[in-house]
């Protein structure tokens, strides 16, 4: 899936996929039914034409995204987007009154938007496999934190953090830097930078009473998988 994408495409290629995902998301959020409510005074024919043009845009954007995937890569979520676009066309063909009375069209559009956001997040995590990109992401996402705070997360000195910020290669604790970036990417969607910092220092029963920072310091590989699960699924909870 996206891991395979990372192996077959460059950072520029990933950015291109992100842009194509953005095109799909722009089209399906807000859903078409919301657009129709805003234009309820127009004639049925006019609204039908507008909706048809909207669907063609969605279909073209999804097909463009699908064709941009590296050769040999089959991504589940991209396949779902294609399936949703087919379902959307069938619903539009049946809704001759252009009213979407049961909200089925709006629901499919929302499902497409959710799928796009999920792929966005996975592409971002794949891009963070590169230690330099990972460090840069954390610096940007956690701007309010001090150099000392960042050094503690990465397990390096403040001098090393300063060198990384100046663009030096990230060689020390490269795996830890990538992991911290992936955890931060999951957490910052629902937490402030200070909240993310607190998360790393909150003890968790799932970690045997340890904090995420202690797991990182101890280089406990098996517990790191639990960290990823906690950040992805329970990121809003500081304590269990």
C-alpha atoms as a PDB file:
ATOM      1  CA  UNK A   1       0.000   0.000   0.000  1.00  0.00           C
ATOM      2  CA  UNK A   2       1.396   3.440   0.925  1.00  0.00           C
ATOM      3  CA  UNK A   3       4.619   1.822   2.156  1.00  0.00           C
ATOM      4  CA  UNK A   4       5.041   0.456  -1.336  1.00  0.00           C
ATOM      5  CA  UNK A   5       4.310   3.895  -2.736  1.00  0.00           C
ATOM      6  CA  UNK A   6       7.196   5.308  -0.691  1.00  0.00           C
ATOM      7  CA  UNK A   7       9.528   2.662  -2.115  1.00  0.00           C
ATOM      8  CA  UNK A   8       8.604   3.471  -5.711  1.00  0.00           C
ATOM      9  CA  UNK A   9       8.229   7.226  -5.794  1.00  0.00           C
ATOM     10  CA  UNK A  10      10.163  10.338  -4.796  1.00  0.00           C
ATOM     11  CA  UNK A  11       9.203  13.038  -2.324  1.00  0.00           C
ATOM     12  CA  UNK A  12       8.094  15.133  -5.303  1.00  0.00           C
ATOM     13  CA  UNK A  13       5.911  12.234  -6.425  1.00  0.00           C
ATOM     14  CA  UNK A  14       4.313  12.032  -2.987  1.00  0.00           C
ATOM     15  CA  UNK A  15       3.630  15.754  -3.089  1.00  0.00           C
ATOM     16  CA  UNK A  16       1.959  15.262  -6.468  1.00  0.00           C
ATOM     17  CA  UNK A  17      -0.292  12.554  -5.025  1.00  0.00           C
ATOM     18  CA  UNK A  18      -1.147  14.859  -2.099  1.00  0.00           C
ATOM     19  CA  UNK A  19      -2.149  17.582  -4.573  1.00  0.00           C
ATOM     20  CA  UNK A  20      -4.401  15.190  -6.487  1.00  0.00           C
ATOM     21  CA  UNK A  21      -6.002  14.070  -3.235  1.00  0.00           C
ATOM     22  CA  UNK A  22      -6.612  17.717  -2.440  1.00  0.00           C
ATOM     23  CA  UNK A  23      -8.463  18.143  -5.726  1.00  0.00           C
ATOM     24  CA  UNK A  24     -10.823  15.291  -4.842  1.00  0.00           C
ATOM     25  CA  UNK A  25     -11.354  16.613  -1.318  1.00  0.00           C
ATOM     26  CA  UNK A  26     -12.131  20.128  -2.576  1.00  0.00           C
ATOM     27  CA  UNK A  27     -14.847  18.688  -4.812  1.00  0.00           C
ATOM     28  CA  UNK A  28     -16.571  16.419  -2.285  1.00  0.00           C
ATOM     29  CA  UNK A  29     -16.457  18.741   0.741  1.00  0.00           C
ATOM     30  CA  UNK A  30     -18.958  20.332   1.202  1.00  0.00           C
ATOM     31  CA  UNK A  31     -21.187  17.618  -0.296  1.00  0.00           C
ATOM     32  CA  UNK A  32     -23.194  18.370  -3.430  1.00  0.00           C
ATOM     33  CA  UNK A  33     -26.490  18.299  -1.546  1.00  0.00           C
ATOM     34  CA  UNK A  34     -25.314  21.315   0.475  1.00  0.00           C
ATOM     35  CA  UNK A  35     -24.580  23.114  -2.770  1.00  0.00           C
ATOM     36  CA  UNK A  36     -28.054  22.231  -4.008  1.00  0.00           C
ATOM     37  CA  UNK A  37     -29.670  23.674  -0.868  1.00  0.00           C
ATOM     38  CA  UNK A  38     -27.883  26.950  -1.547  1.00  0.00           C
ATOM     39  CA  UNK A  39     -29.194  27.005  -5.117  1.00  0.00           C
ATOM     40  CA  UNK A  40     -32.758  25.804  -4.459  1.00  0.00           C
ATOM     41  CA  UNK A  41     -34.206  28.746  -6.384  1.00  0.00           C
ATOM     42  CA  UNK A  42     -32.739  27.567  -9.659  1.00  0.00           C
ATOM     43  CA  UNK A  43     -34.716  25.435 -12.123  1.00  0.00           C
ATOM     44  CA  UNK A  44     -34.464  21.668 -11.918  1.00  0.00           C
ATOM     45  CA  UNK A  45     -32.697  21.580 -15.310  1.00  0.00           C
ATOM     46  CA  UNK A  46     -30.146  24.133 -14.165  1.00  0.00           C
ATOM     47  CA  UNK A  47     -29.480  22.292 -10.908  1.00  0.00           C
ATOM     48  CA  UNK A  48     -29.235  18.994 -12.804  1.00  0.00           C
ATOM     49  CA  UNK A  49     -26.636  20.458 -15.166  1.00  0.00           C
ATOM     50  CA  UNK A  50     -24.637  21.879 -12.264  1.00  0.00           C
ATOM     51  CA  UNK A  51     -24.703  18.557 -10.480  1.00  0.00           C
ATOM     52  CA  UNK A  52     -23.663  16.654 -13.615  1.00  0.00           C
ATOM     53  CA  UNK A  53     -20.720  19.004 -14.088  1.00  0.00           C
ATOM     54  CA  UNK A  54     -19.807  18.522 -10.425  1.00  0.00           C
ATOM     55  CA  UNK A  55     -19.872  14.741 -10.802  1.00  0.00           C
ATOM     56  CA  UNK A  56     -17.729  14.855 -13.929  1.00  0.00           C
ATOM     57  CA  UNK A  57     -15.186  16.870 -11.973  1.00  0.00           C
ATOM     58  CA  UNK A  58     -15.210  14.310  -9.158  1.00  0.00           C
ATOM     59  CA  UNK A  59     -14.874  11.407 -11.575  1.00  0.00           C
ATOM     60  CA  UNK A  60     -12.005  13.066 -13.471  1.00  0.00           C
ATOM     61  CA  UNK A  61     -10.170  13.875 -10.218  1.00  0.00           C
ATOM     62  CA  UNK A  62     -10.528  10.312  -8.890  1.00  0.00           C
ATOM     63  CA  UNK A  63      -9.379   8.782 -12.183  1.00  0.00           C
ATOM     64  CA  UNK A  64      -6.444  11.203 -12.285  1.00  0.00           C
ATOM     65  CA  UNK A  65      -5.435  10.156  -8.779  1.00  0.00           C
ATOM     66  CA  UNK A  66      -5.768   6.475  -9.617  1.00  0.00           C
ATOM     67  CA  UNK A  67      -3.629   6.790 -12.754  1.00  0.00           C
ATOM     68  CA  UNK A  68      -0.965   8.714 -10.783  1.00  0.00           C
ATOM     69  CA  UNK A  69      -0.344   5.788  -8.426  1.00  0.00           C
ATOM     70  CA  UNK A  70       3.019   4.116  -9.173  1.00  0.00           C
ATOM     71  CA  UNK A  71       2.788   1.126 -11.496  1.00  0.00           C
ATOM     72  CA  UNK A  72       2.097  -2.109  -9.676  1.00  0.00           C
ATOM     73  CA  UNK A  73       0.698  -0.419  -6.566  1.00  0.00           C
ATOM     74  CA  UNK A  74      -2.872  -1.224  -5.600  1.00  0.00           C
ATOM     75  CA  UNK A  75      -4.141   0.966  -2.786  1.00  0.00           C
ATOM     76  CA  UNK A  76      -7.313  -0.082  -0.953  1.00  0.00           C
ATOM     77  CA  UNK A  77      -8.532   3.441  -0.270  1.00  0.00           C
ATOM     78  CA  UNK A  78      -7.966   4.631  -3.825  1.00  0.00           C
ATOM     79  CA  UNK A  79      -9.935   1.607  -5.028  1.00  0.00           C
ATOM     80  CA  UNK A  80     -12.702   2.595  -2.606  1.00  0.00           C
ATOM     81  CA  UNK A  81     -12.756   6.091  -4.108  1.00  0.00           C
ATOM     82  CA  UNK A  82     -13.335   4.541  -7.538  1.00  0.00           C
ATOM     83  CA  UNK A  83     -16.149   2.415  -6.115  1.00  0.00           C
ATOM     84  CA  UNK A  84     -17.701   5.449  -4.435  1.00  0.00           C
ATOM     85  CA  UNK A  85     -17.590   7.401  -7.702  1.00  0.00           C
ATOM     86  CA  UNK A  86     -19.514   4.601  -9.448  1.00  0.00           C
ATOM     87  CA  UNK A  87     -22.069   4.528  -6.627  1.00  0.00           C
ATOM     88  CA  UNK A  88     -22.358   8.302  -6.805  1.00  0.00           C
ATOM     89  CA  UNK A  89     -23.129   8.187 -10.532  1.00  0.00           C
ATOM     90  CA  UNK A  90     -25.875   5.598  -9.979  1.00  0.00           C
ATOM     91  CA  UNK A  91     -27.455   7.662  -7.221  1.00  0.00           C
ATOM     92  CA  UNK A  92     -27.394  10.794  -9.361  1.00  0.00           C
ATOM     93  CA  UNK A  93     -29.011   8.971 -12.269  1.00  0.00           C
ATOM     94  CA  UNK A  94     -31.848   7.760 -10.000  1.00  0.00           C
ATOM     95  CA  UNK A  95     -32.410  11.132  -8.319  1.00  0.00           C
ATOM     96  CA  UNK A  96     -34.309  12.733 -11.217  1.00  0.00           C
ATOM     97  CA  UNK A  97     -35.860  15.374  -8.931  1.00  0.00           C
ATOM     98  CA  UNK A  98     -32.386  16.600  -7.950  1.00  0.00           C
ATOM     99  CA  UNK A  99     -33.304  16.593  -4.251  1.00  0.00           C
ATOM    100  CA  UNK A 100     -31.379  13.731  -2.596  1.00  0.00           C
ATOM    101  CA  UNK A 101     -34.325  13.160  -0.202  1.00  0.00           C
ATOM    102  CA  UNK A 102     -32.669  10.429   1.884  1.00  0.00           C
ATOM    103  CA  UNK A 103     -29.258  12.055   1.946  1.00  0.00           C
ATOM    104  CA  UNK A 104     -27.646   9.124   0.101  1.00  0.00           C
ATOM    105  CA  UNK A 105     -25.653  11.359  -2.241  1.00  0.00           C
ATOM    106  CA  UNK A 106     -24.422  13.485   0.636  1.00  0.00           C
ATOM    107  CA  UNK A 107     -23.411  10.342   2.562  1.00  0.00           C
ATOM    108  CA  UNK A 108     -21.301   9.003  -0.320  1.00  0.00           C
ATOM    109  CA  UNK A 109     -19.642  12.405  -0.718  1.00  0.00           C
ATOM    110  CA  UNK A 110     -18.824  12.423   3.002  1.00  0.00           C
ATOM    111  CA  UNK A 111     -17.410   8.891   2.754  1.00  0.00           C
ATOM    112  CA  UNK A 112     -15.214  10.011  -0.115  1.00  0.00           C
ATOM    113  CA  UNK A 113     -13.973  12.994   1.900  1.00  0.00           C
ATOM    114  CA  UNK A 114     -13.151  10.719   4.873  1.00  0.00           C
ATOM    115  CA  UNK A 115     -11.285   8.320   2.581  1.00  0.00           C
ATOM    116  CA  UNK A 116      -9.261  11.161   1.070  1.00  0.00           C
ATOM    117  CA  UNK A 117      -8.266  12.415   4.535  1.00  0.00           C
ATOM    118  CA  UNK A 118      -7.194   8.897   5.499  1.00  0.00           C
ATOM    119  CA  UNK A 119      -4.962   8.582   2.437  1.00  0.00           C
ATOM    120  CA  UNK A 120      -3.572  12.089   3.099  1.00  0.00           C
ATOM    121  CA  UNK A 121      -2.539  10.991   6.598  1.00  0.00           C
ATOM    122  CA  UNK A 122      -0.917   7.770   5.388  1.00  0.00           C
ATOM    123  CA  UNK A 123       1.028   9.570   2.678  1.00  0.00           C
ATOM    124  CA  UNK A 124       2.262  12.035   5.258  1.00  0.00           C
ATOM    125  CA  UNK A 125       3.429   9.242   7.555  1.00  0.00           C
ATOM    126  CA  UNK A 126       5.209   7.579   4.615  1.00  0.00           C
ATOM    127  CA  UNK A 127       7.006  10.824   3.825  1.00  0.00           C
ATOM    128  CA  UNK A 128       8.146  11.032   7.437  1.00  0.00           C
ATOM    129  CA  UNK A 129      10.247   7.889   7.001  1.00  0.00           C
ATOM    130  CA  UNK A 130      13.056  10.218   5.933  1.00  0.00           C
ATOM    131  CA  UNK A 131      14.766  11.465   9.156  1.00  0.00           C
ATOM    132  CA  UNK A 132      15.443  14.976   7.835  1.00  0.00           C
ATOM    133  CA  UNK A 133      11.847  15.395   6.675  1.00  0.00           C
ATOM    134  CA  UNK A 134      10.696  13.933   9.991  1.00  0.00           C
ATOM    135  CA  UNK A 135      12.732  16.393  12.070  1.00  0.00           C
ATOM    136  CA  UNK A 136      11.553  19.329   9.950  1.00  0.00           C
ATOM    137  CA  UNK A 137       7.941  18.231  10.405  1.00  0.00           C
ATOM    138  CA  UNK A 138       8.281  18.086  14.211  1.00  0.00           C
ATOM    139  CA  UNK A 139       9.987  21.491  14.313  1.00  0.00           C
ATOM    140  CA  UNK A 140       7.081  22.988  12.359  1.00  0.00           C
ATOM    141  CA  UNK A 141       4.287  21.133  14.188  1.00  0.00           C
ATOM    142  CA  UNK A 142       5.698  21.823  17.657  1.00  0.00           C
ATOM    143  CA  UNK A 143       6.983  25.372  17.147  1.00  0.00           C
ATOM    144  CA  UNK A 144       6.062  26.575  20.674  1.00  0.00           C
ATOM    145  CA  UNK A 145       8.307  23.959  22.310  1.00  0.00           C
ATOM    146  CA  UNK A 146      11.781  24.952  23.412  1.00  0.00           C
ATOM    147  CA  UNK A 147      14.980  23.455  22.024  1.00  0.00           C
ATOM    148  CA  UNK A 148      15.325  21.624  25.328  1.00  0.00           C
ATOM    149  CA  UNK A 149      11.846  20.087  24.975  1.00  0.00           C
ATOM    150  CA  UNK A 150      12.592  18.982  21.419  1.00  0.00           C
ATOM    151  CA  UNK A 151      15.963  17.589  22.412  1.00  0.00           C
ATOM    152  CA  UNK A 152      14.243  15.506  25.093  1.00  0.00           C
ATOM    153  CA  UNK A 153      11.791  14.062  22.581  1.00  0.00           C
ATOM    154  CA  UNK A 154      14.559  13.152  20.152  1.00  0.00           C
ATOM    155  CA  UNK A 155      17.004  11.979  22.835  1.00  0.00           C
ATOM    156  CA  UNK A 156      19.767  14.325  21.642  1.00  0.00           C
ATOM    157  CA  UNK A 157      21.454  17.527  22.814  1.00  0.00           C
ATOM    158  CA  UNK A 158      20.127  21.031  22.199  1.00  0.00           C
ATOM    159  CA  UNK A 159      23.221  21.639  20.058  1.00  0.00           C
ATOM    160  CA  UNK A 160      22.178  18.749  17.813  1.00  0.00           C
ATOM    161  CA  UNK A 161      18.661  20.152  17.529  1.00  0.00           C
ATOM    162  CA  UNK A 162      20.124  23.511  16.497  1.00  0.00           C
ATOM    163  CA  UNK A 163      22.251  21.810  13.833  1.00  0.00           C
ATOM    164  CA  UNK A 164      19.230  19.951  12.454  1.00  0.00           C
ATOM    165  CA  UNK A 165      17.256  23.170  12.271  1.00  0.00           C
ATOM    166  CA  UNK A 166      20.068  24.604  10.162  1.00  0.00           C
ATOM    167  CA  UNK A 167      19.659  21.742   7.705  1.00  0.00           C
ATOM    168  CA  UNK A 168      22.394  19.363   8.827  1.00  0.00           C
ATOM    169  CA  UNK A 169      21.902  15.652   8.146  1.00  0.00           C
ATOM    170  CA  UNK A 170      19.935  13.723  10.781  1.00  0.00           C
ATOM    171  CA  UNK A 171      22.113  10.751  11.677  1.00  0.00           C
ATOM    172  CA  UNK A 172      21.833  10.436  15.439  1.00  0.00           C
ATOM    173  CA  UNK A 173      18.726   8.568  16.647  1.00  0.00           C
ATOM    174  CA  UNK A 174      17.309   8.593  13.095  1.00  0.00           C
ATOM    175  CA  UNK A 175      14.749   5.855  13.805  1.00  0.00           C
ATOM    176  CA  UNK A 176      13.578   7.650  16.939  1.00  0.00           C
ATOM    177  CA  UNK A 177      13.232  10.931  15.054  1.00  0.00           C
ATOM    178  CA  UNK A 178      11.025   9.244  12.445  1.00  0.00           C
ATOM    179  CA  UNK A 179       8.903   7.601  15.148  1.00  0.00           C
ATOM    180  CA  UNK A 180       8.455  10.866  17.082  1.00  0.00           C
ATOM    181  CA  UNK A 181       7.366  12.558  13.850  1.00  0.00           C
ATOM    182  CA  UNK A 182       4.803   9.834  13.068  1.00  0.00           C
ATOM    183  CA  UNK A 183       3.407   9.984  16.604  1.00  0.00           C
ATOM    184  CA  UNK A 184       3.247  13.781  16.410  1.00  0.00           C
ATOM    185  CA  UNK A 185       1.441  13.630  13.063  1.00  0.00           C
ATOM    186  CA  UNK A 186      -1.318  11.532  14.661  1.00  0.00           C
ATOM    187  CA  UNK A 187      -1.495  13.561  17.859  1.00  0.00           C
ATOM    188  CA  UNK A 188      -1.454  17.106  16.523  1.00  0.00           C
ATOM    189  CA  UNK A 189      -4.743  16.572  14.700  1.00  0.00           C
ATOM    190  CA  UNK A 190      -6.572  16.842  18.020  1.00  0.00           C
ATOM    191  CA  UNK A 191      -4.033  18.310  20.449  1.00  0.00           C
ATOM    192  CA  UNK A 192      -2.071  21.521  20.861  1.00  0.00           C
ATOM    193  CA  UNK A 193       1.735  21.392  20.733  1.00  0.00           C
ATOM    194  CA  UNK A 194       1.817  21.591  24.524  1.00  0.00           C
ATOM    195  CA  UNK A 195      -0.731  18.778  24.678  1.00  0.00           C
ATOM    196  CA  UNK A 196       1.508  16.644  22.476  1.00  0.00           C
ATOM    197  CA  UNK A 197       4.418  17.321  24.825  1.00  0.00           C
ATOM    198  CA  UNK A 198       2.292  16.320  27.821  1.00  0.00           C
ATOM    199  CA  UNK A 199       1.216  13.119  26.049  1.00  0.00           C
ATOM    200  CA  UNK A 200       4.829  11.988  25.829  1.00  0.00           C
ATOM    201  CA  UNK A 201       5.214  12.472  29.607  1.00  0.00           C
ATOM    202  CA  UNK A 202       1.933  10.887  30.759  1.00  0.00           C
ATOM    203  CA  UNK A 203       2.198   7.373  32.214  1.00  0.00           C
ATOM    204  CA  UNK A 204      -0.004   4.745  30.585  1.00  0.00           C
ATOM    205  CA  UNK A 205      -1.202   1.399  31.890  1.00  0.00           C
ATOM    206  CA  UNK A 206      -0.793  -0.020  28.368  1.00  0.00           C
ATOM    207  CA  UNK A 207       2.931   0.703  28.722  1.00  0.00           C
ATOM    208  CA  UNK A 208       3.236  -0.883  32.154  1.00  0.00           C
ATOM    209  CA  UNK A 209       2.970   2.471  33.894  1.00  0.00           C
ATOM    210  CA  UNK A 210       5.719   4.011  31.802  1.00  0.00           C
ATOM    211  CA  UNK A 211       5.465   7.216  29.791  1.00  0.00           C
ATOM    212  CA  UNK A 212       5.919   7.272  26.008  1.00  0.00           C
ATOM    213  CA  UNK A 213       9.165   9.184  26.516  1.00  0.00           C
ATOM    214  CA  UNK A 214      10.485   6.392  28.772  1.00  0.00           C
ATOM    215  CA  UNK A 215       9.635   3.826  26.104  1.00  0.00           C
ATOM    216  CA  UNK A 216      11.614   5.886  23.591  1.00  0.00           C
ATOM    217  CA  UNK A 217      14.550   6.263  25.998  1.00  0.00           C
ATOM    218  CA  UNK A 218      14.590   2.516  26.698  1.00  0.00           C
ATOM    219  CA  UNK A 219      14.397   1.685  22.976  1.00  0.00           C
ATOM    220  CA  UNK A 220      11.680  -0.878  23.708  1.00  0.00           C
ATOM    221  CA  UNK A 221      10.779  -1.955  20.159  1.00  0.00           C
ATOM    222  CA  UNK A 222       7.729  -4.015  21.116  1.00  0.00           C
ATOM    223  CA  UNK A 223       6.280  -1.190  23.244  1.00  0.00           C
ATOM    224  CA  UNK A 224       6.836   1.241  20.377  1.00  0.00           C
ATOM    225  CA  UNK A 225       4.107  -0.593  18.455  1.00  0.00           C
ATOM    226  CA  UNK A 226       1.794   0.138  21.387  1.00  0.00           C
ATOM    227  CA  UNK A 227       2.841   3.791  21.217  1.00  0.00           C
ATOM    228  CA  UNK A 228       1.777   3.975  17.586  1.00  0.00           C
ATOM    229  CA  UNK A 229      -1.576   2.387  18.425  1.00  0.00           C
ATOM    230  CA  UNK A 230      -2.138   4.778  21.342  1.00  0.00           C
ATOM    231  CA  UNK A 231      -1.307   7.851  19.281  1.00  0.00           C
ATOM    232  CA  UNK A 232      -3.469   6.753  16.374  1.00  0.00           C
ATOM    233  CA  UNK A 233      -6.516   5.506  18.266  1.00  0.00           C
ATOM    234  CA  UNK A 234      -6.502   7.175  21.664  1.00  0.00           C
ATOM    235  CA  UNK A 235      -4.685  10.419  21.034  1.00  0.00           C
ATOM    236  CA  UNK A 236      -7.144  12.557  22.976  1.00  0.00           C
ATOM    237  CA  UNK A 237      -6.551  10.733  26.256  1.00  0.00           C
ATOM    238  CA  UNK A 238      -3.613  11.688  28.415  1.00  0.00           C
ATOM    239  CA  UNK A 239      -4.206   8.920  30.936  1.00  0.00           C
ATOM    240  CA  UNK A 240      -5.996   5.586  30.995  1.00  0.00           C
END
